[in-house]
Amino acid sequence: MTKDKLFKSTEAGRNSKSDNTTNASRAIIDAEVSAREKKTERLRKLRLEQEAQAEIAGEAAEPVKKPSKKPAAKKAPAPRRAMTQRPR
């Protein structure tokens, strides 16, 4: 019998917990990236189809500019009240 056979290594237990956490977080992140890329591709395809239909219909595919807002007029400052002396 040797000490390797009698005693289990505790290092493997510590590393496996951190490895499990790392693997789980990477799996979650990879799933989110995959879902985002699928959504982006789907939306890009829809946008390109809409632009193609707009060109066929003869409409300009340029976005409509919003009119710029004028800055709000500044209010006059409130008049200051006279300070009254408190009786001593």
Protein backbone atom coordinates (compact mmCIF):
# COMPACT_ATOMS: atom_id res chain seq x y z
CA MET A 1 0.00 0.00 0.00
CA THR A 2 1.11 3.50 -0.76
CA LYS A 3 -0.03 6.85 0.51
CA ASP A 4 -1.44 7.67 -2.96
CA LYS A 5 -3.83 4.78 -2.73
CA LEU A 6 -4.85 5.41 0.88
CA PHE A 7 -5.45 9.16 0.79
CA LYS A 8 -7.36 11.06 -1.82
CA SER A 9 -5.91 14.27 -3.13
CA THR A 10 -7.75 17.35 -1.81
CA GLU A 11 -6.37 19.50 -4.63
CA ALA A 12 -8.63 17.83 -7.15
CA GLY A 13 -11.69 18.75 -5.09
CA ARG A 14 -10.79 22.43 -4.91
CA ASN A 15 -9.97 22.71 -8.58
CA SER A 16 -13.08 20.88 -9.65
CA LYS A 17 -15.35 23.36 -7.83
CA SER A 18 -13.74 26.35 -9.50
CA ASP A 19 -13.62 24.51 -12.82
CA ASN A 20 -17.32 23.70 -12.51
CA THR A 21 -18.14 27.34 -11.81
CA THR A 22 -16.00 28.52 -14.73
CA ASN A 23 -17.52 25.99 -17.09
CA ALA A 24 -21.06 26.89 -16.04
CA SER A 25 -20.46 30.62 -16.47
CA ARG A 26 -18.85 30.09 -19.87
CA ALA A 27 -21.79 27.95 -20.97
CA ILE A 28 -24.25 30.68 -19.93
CA ILE A 29 -22.23 33.39 -21.69
CA ASP A 30 -21.91 31.27 -24.85
CA ALA A 31 -25.68 30.67 -24.88
CA GLU A 32 -26.34 34.42 -24.53
CA VAL A 33 -23.90 35.24 -27.35
CA SER A 34 -25.49 32.64 -29.59
CA ALA A 35 -29.00 33.98 -28.90
CA ARG A 36 -27.86 37.58 -29.55
CA GLU A 37 -26.21 36.63 -32.84
CA LYS A 38 -29.35 34.78 -34.00
CA LYS A 39 -31.51 37.79 -33.13
CA THR A 40 -29.12 40.19 -34.88
CA GLU A 41 -29.11 38.05 -38.02
CA ARG A 42 -32.91 37.82 -38.02
CA LEU A 43 -33.33 41.59 -37.59
CA ARG A 44 -30.70 42.32 -40.27
CA LYS A 45 -32.54 40.06 -42.70
CA LEU A 46 -35.86 41.81 -41.98
CA ARG A 47 -34.27 45.26 -42.40
CA LEU A 48 -32.72 44.32 -45.72
CA GLU A 49 -36.07 42.96 -46.95
CA GLN A 50 -37.82 46.20 -45.95
CA GLU A 51 -35.17 48.31 -47.69
CA ALA A 52 -35.52 46.21 -50.85
CA GLN A 53 -39.30 46.62 -50.81
CA ALA A 54 -38.93 50.37 -50.28
CA GLU A 55 -36.63 50.64 -53.30
CA ILE A 56 -39.05 48.67 -55.43
CA ALA A 57 -41.93 50.91 -54.36
CA GLY A 58 -39.81 53.97 -55.18
CA GLU A 59 -39.76 55.29 -51.67
CA ALA A 60 -36.60 56.74 -50.28
CA ALA A 61 -35.01 54.45 -47.73
CA GLU A 62 -33.59 57.43 -45.86
CA PRO A 63 -34.78 57.96 -42.29
CA VAL A 64 -37.02 60.93 -41.62
CA LYS A 65 -35.29 63.70 -39.68
CA LYS A 66 -37.09 64.99 -36.63
CA PRO A 67 -37.44 68.75 -36.36
CA SER A 68 -35.02 70.21 -33.89
CA LYS A 69 -36.47 71.48 -30.66
CA LYS A 70 -35.98 75.11 -29.77
CA PRO A 71 -34.43 75.69 -26.37
CA ALA A 72 -36.99 76.49 -23.71
CA ALA A 73 -37.28 80.13 -22.69
CA LYS A 74 -35.59 80.87 -19.41
CA LYS A 75 -37.80 81.93 -16.56
CA ALA A 76 -37.08 85.15 -14.73
CA PRO A 77 -35.64 84.55 -11.26
CA ALA A 78 -38.05 84.87 -8.38
CA PRO A 79 -37.82 88.16 -6.47
CA ARG A 80 -35.85 87.94 -3.24
CA ARG A 81 -37.64 88.48 0.03
CA ALA A 82 -36.43 91.05 2.46
CA MET A 83 -34.80 89.53 5.48
CA THR A 84 -36.51 90.44 8.71
CA GLN A 85 -34.69 90.77 11.99
CA ARG A 86 -35.72 88.41 14.75
CA PRO A 87 -36.31 90.04 18.16
CA ARG A 88 -33.56 89.26 20.62
